[in-house]
Amino acid sequence: MVIKQFEEISSWQKGKELTLLIYSFFENSKDYSFRDQIQRASVSIMNNIAEGFERKGNKEFKQFLFIAKGSSAEVRSMLYIAIERKFITQKQFDEAYNLSIEISKLLSGLIKTL
């Protein structure tokens, strides 16, 4: 399968799903710096996949995929703070955490194929 647009990439689609979740979880948060950081980290996943794809070179694309993978880990790390501070429920934590793990695995697979 030849991917013609970054929107076709499953890790980008899952990244978008995670971003929308994160935004919905923290839209009313008064801890603005925390909220902004976890939102930026989630957006970074999708944006790095998109930007790397548009570079049209496998070497650069891989570099951006590694950055996206790092942003996925950053979201997971921040989710621990969110659950401990009771910003989110256990169910929300599990949903976002599992989705971020799925994204990381998809990114690893894509990196290996490049």
C-alpha atoms as a PDB file:
ATOM      1  CA  MET A   1       0.000   0.000   0.000  1.00  0.00           C
ATOM      2  CA  VAL A   2       1.359   3.377  -0.998  1.00  0.00           C
ATOM      3  CA  ILE A   3       0.454   6.191   1.356  1.00  0.00           C
ATOM      4  CA  LYS A   4      -0.308   9.385  -0.522  1.00  0.00           C
ATOM      5  CA  GLN A   5      -1.326  11.649   2.364  1.00  0.00           C
ATOM      6  CA  PHE A   6      -0.298  11.729   6.012  1.00  0.00           C
ATOM      7  CA  GLU A   7      -3.977  11.483   6.968  1.00  0.00           C
ATOM      8  CA  GLU A   8      -3.883   7.860   5.773  1.00  0.00           C
ATOM      9  CA  ILE A   9      -1.220   6.910   8.340  1.00  0.00           C
ATOM     10  CA  SER A  10      -2.814   4.956  11.190  1.00  0.00           C
ATOM     11  CA  SER A  11      -0.463   6.389  13.832  1.00  0.00           C
ATOM     12  CA  TRP A  12      -1.478   9.918  12.727  1.00  0.00           C
ATOM     13  CA  GLN A  13      -5.168   8.938  12.968  1.00  0.00           C
ATOM     14  CA  LYS A  14      -4.629   7.494  16.456  1.00  0.00           C
ATOM     15  CA  GLY A  15      -2.600  10.592  17.386  1.00  0.00           C
ATOM     16  CA  LYS A  16      -5.542  12.756  16.400  1.00  0.00           C
ATOM     17  CA  GLU A  17      -7.843  10.574  18.488  1.00  0.00           C
ATOM     18  CA  LEU A  18      -5.504  10.915  21.481  1.00  0.00           C
ATOM     19  CA  THR A  19      -5.270  14.691  21.020  1.00  0.00           C
ATOM     20  CA  LEU A  20      -9.044  15.048  21.001  1.00  0.00           C
ATOM     21  CA  LEU A  21      -9.238  12.926  24.167  1.00  0.00           C
ATOM     22  CA  ILE A  22      -6.589  15.002  25.921  1.00  0.00           C
ATOM     23  CA  TYR A  23      -8.318  18.237  24.957  1.00  0.00           C
ATOM     24  CA  SER A  24     -11.648  16.952  26.269  1.00  0.00           C
ATOM     25  CA  PHE A  25     -10.103  15.712  29.541  1.00  0.00           C
ATOM     26  CA  PHE A  26      -8.400  19.005  30.347  1.00  0.00           C
ATOM     27  CA  GLU A  27     -10.615  21.653  28.727  1.00  0.00           C
ATOM     28  CA  ASN A  28     -11.784  22.963  32.118  1.00  0.00           C
ATOM     29  CA  SER A  29      -8.479  22.541  33.940  1.00  0.00           C
ATOM     30  CA  LYS A  30      -7.336  25.568  35.929  1.00  0.00           C
ATOM     31  CA  ASP A  31      -3.762  24.261  35.955  1.00  0.00           C
ATOM     32  CA  TYR A  32      -2.976  26.071  32.739  1.00  0.00           C
ATOM     33  CA  SER A  33       0.684  25.155  32.457  1.00  0.00           C
ATOM     34  CA  PHE A  34      -0.055  21.435  32.930  1.00  0.00           C
ATOM     35  CA  ARG A  35      -3.005  21.555  30.542  1.00  0.00           C
ATOM     36  CA  ASP A  36      -1.032  23.405  27.885  1.00  0.00           C
ATOM     37  CA  GLN A  37       1.953  21.051  28.158  1.00  0.00           C
ATOM     38  CA  ILE A  38      -0.021  17.804  27.837  1.00  0.00           C
ATOM     39  CA  GLN A  39      -2.048  19.296  24.977  1.00  0.00           C
ATOM     40  CA  ARG A  40       1.133  20.411  23.187  1.00  0.00           C
ATOM     41  CA  ALA A  41       2.682  16.971  23.663  1.00  0.00           C
ATOM     42  CA  SER A  42      -0.346  15.231  22.164  1.00  0.00           C
ATOM     43  CA  VAL A  43      -0.523  17.638  19.221  1.00  0.00           C
ATOM     44  CA  SER A  44       3.201  17.104  18.679  1.00  0.00           C
ATOM     45  CA  ILE A  45       2.566  13.422  17.916  1.00  0.00           C
ATOM     46  CA  MET A  46       0.315  14.143  14.942  1.00  0.00           C
ATOM     47  CA  ASN A  47       2.240  17.180  13.757  1.00  0.00           C
ATOM     48  CA  ASN A  48       5.582  15.397  13.679  1.00  0.00           C
ATOM     49  CA  ILE A  49       4.107  12.501  11.718  1.00  0.00           C
ATOM     50  CA  ALA A  50       2.582  14.968   9.237  1.00  0.00           C
ATOM     51  CA  GLU A  51       5.693  17.122   8.937  1.00  0.00           C
ATOM     52  CA  GLY A  52       8.007  14.145   8.545  1.00  0.00           C
ATOM     53  CA  PHE A  53       5.798  12.616   5.865  1.00  0.00           C
ATOM     54  CA  GLU A  54       5.733  15.843   3.878  1.00  0.00           C
ATOM     55  CA  ARG A  55       9.548  16.008   3.878  1.00  0.00           C
ATOM     56  CA  LYS A  56       9.437  13.195   1.294  1.00  0.00           C
ATOM     57  CA  GLY A  57      12.600  11.485   2.494  1.00  0.00           C
ATOM     58  CA  ASN A  58      12.726   8.311   4.585  1.00  0.00           C
ATOM     59  CA  LYS A  59      15.676   9.487   6.680  1.00  0.00           C
ATOM     60  CA  GLU A  60      13.957  12.718   7.707  1.00  0.00           C
ATOM     61  CA  PHE A  61      10.606  10.970   8.080  1.00  0.00           C
ATOM     62  CA  LYS A  62      12.161   8.489  10.526  1.00  0.00           C
ATOM     63  CA  GLN A  63      13.652  11.339  12.544  1.00  0.00           C
ATOM     64  CA  PHE A  64      10.229  12.964  12.896  1.00  0.00           C
ATOM     65  CA  LEU A  65       8.655   9.618  13.788  1.00  0.00           C
ATOM     66  CA  PHE A  66      11.163   9.244  16.635  1.00  0.00           C
ATOM     67  CA  ILE A  67      10.180  12.714  17.864  1.00  0.00           C
ATOM     68  CA  ALA A  68       6.492  11.715  17.677  1.00  0.00           C
ATOM     69  CA  LYS A  69       7.310   8.569  19.666  1.00  0.00           C
ATOM     70  CA  GLY A  70       8.999  10.722  22.304  1.00  0.00           C
ATOM     71  CA  SER A  71       5.935  12.968  22.489  1.00  0.00           C
ATOM     72  CA  SER A  72       3.782   9.895  23.023  1.00  0.00           C
ATOM     73  CA  ALA A  73       5.968   8.971  26.003  1.00  0.00           C
ATOM     74  CA  GLU A  74       5.684  12.545  27.295  1.00  0.00           C
ATOM     75  CA  VAL A  75       1.887  12.279  27.237  1.00  0.00           C
ATOM     76  CA  ARG A  76       2.074   8.982  29.162  1.00  0.00           C
ATOM     77  CA  SER A  77       4.411  10.511  31.713  1.00  0.00           C
ATOM     78  CA  MET A  78       2.092  13.449  32.260  1.00  0.00           C
ATOM     79  CA  LEU A  79      -0.903  11.139  32.599  1.00  0.00           C
ATOM     80  CA  TYR A  80       0.681   9.782  35.785  1.00  0.00           C
ATOM     81  CA  ILE A  81       0.700  13.272  37.263  1.00  0.00           C
ATOM     82  CA  ALA A  82      -2.874  13.828  36.069  1.00  0.00           C
ATOM     83  CA  ILE A  83      -4.173  10.684  37.796  1.00  0.00           C
ATOM     84  CA  GLU A  84      -2.203  11.293  40.999  1.00  0.00           C
ATOM     85  CA  ARG A  85      -3.469  14.888  41.183  1.00  0.00           C
ATOM     86  CA  LYS A  86      -6.998  13.625  40.441  1.00  0.00           C
ATOM     87  CA  PHE A  87      -7.284  15.735  37.275  1.00  0.00           C
ATOM     88  CA  ILE A  88      -8.657  12.641  35.496  1.00  0.00           C
ATOM     89  CA  THR A  89     -10.362   9.373  36.409  1.00  0.00           C
ATOM     90  CA  GLN A  90      -8.759   5.942  36.263  1.00  0.00           C
ATOM     91  CA  LYS A  91     -10.917   5.167  33.224  1.00  0.00           C
ATOM     92  CA  GLN A  92      -9.669   8.285  31.421  1.00  0.00           C
ATOM     93  CA  PHE A  93      -6.084   7.446  32.375  1.00  0.00           C
ATOM     94  CA  ASP A  94      -6.428   3.904  31.029  1.00  0.00           C
ATOM     95  CA  GLU A  95      -8.018   5.048  27.777  1.00  0.00           C
ATOM     96  CA  ALA A  96      -5.371   7.677  27.019  1.00  0.00           C
ATOM     97  CA  TYR A  97      -2.480   5.532  28.282  1.00  0.00           C
ATOM     98  CA  ASN A  98      -3.479   2.518  26.174  1.00  0.00           C
ATOM     99  CA  LEU A  99      -3.965   4.687  23.104  1.00  0.00           C
ATOM    100  CA  SER A 100      -0.528   6.241  23.552  1.00  0.00           C
ATOM    101  CA  ILE A 101       1.021   2.765  23.847  1.00  0.00           C
ATOM    102  CA  GLU A 102      -0.753   1.735  20.649  1.00  0.00           C
ATOM    103  CA  ILE A 103       0.594   4.836  18.898  1.00  0.00           C
ATOM    104  CA  SER A 104       4.143   4.085  20.070  1.00  0.00           C
ATOM    105  CA  LYS A 105       3.890   0.536  18.737  1.00  0.00           C
ATOM    106  CA  LEU A 106       2.528   1.752  15.397  1.00  0.00           C
ATOM    107  CA  LEU A 107       5.345   4.285  15.149  1.00  0.00           C
ATOM    108  CA  SER A 108       7.947   1.621  15.937  1.00  0.00           C
ATOM    109  CA  GLY A 109       6.534  -0.579  13.180  1.00  0.00           C
ATOM    110  CA  LEU A 110       6.550   2.288  10.695  1.00  0.00           C
ATOM    111  CA  ILE A 111      10.124   3.217  11.615  1.00  0.00           C
ATOM    112  CA  LYS A 112      11.218  -0.391  11.050  1.00  0.00           C
ATOM    113  CA  THR A 113       9.593  -0.516   7.603  1.00  0.00           C
ATOM    114  CA  LEU A 114      11.439   2.633   6.534  1.00  0.00           C
END
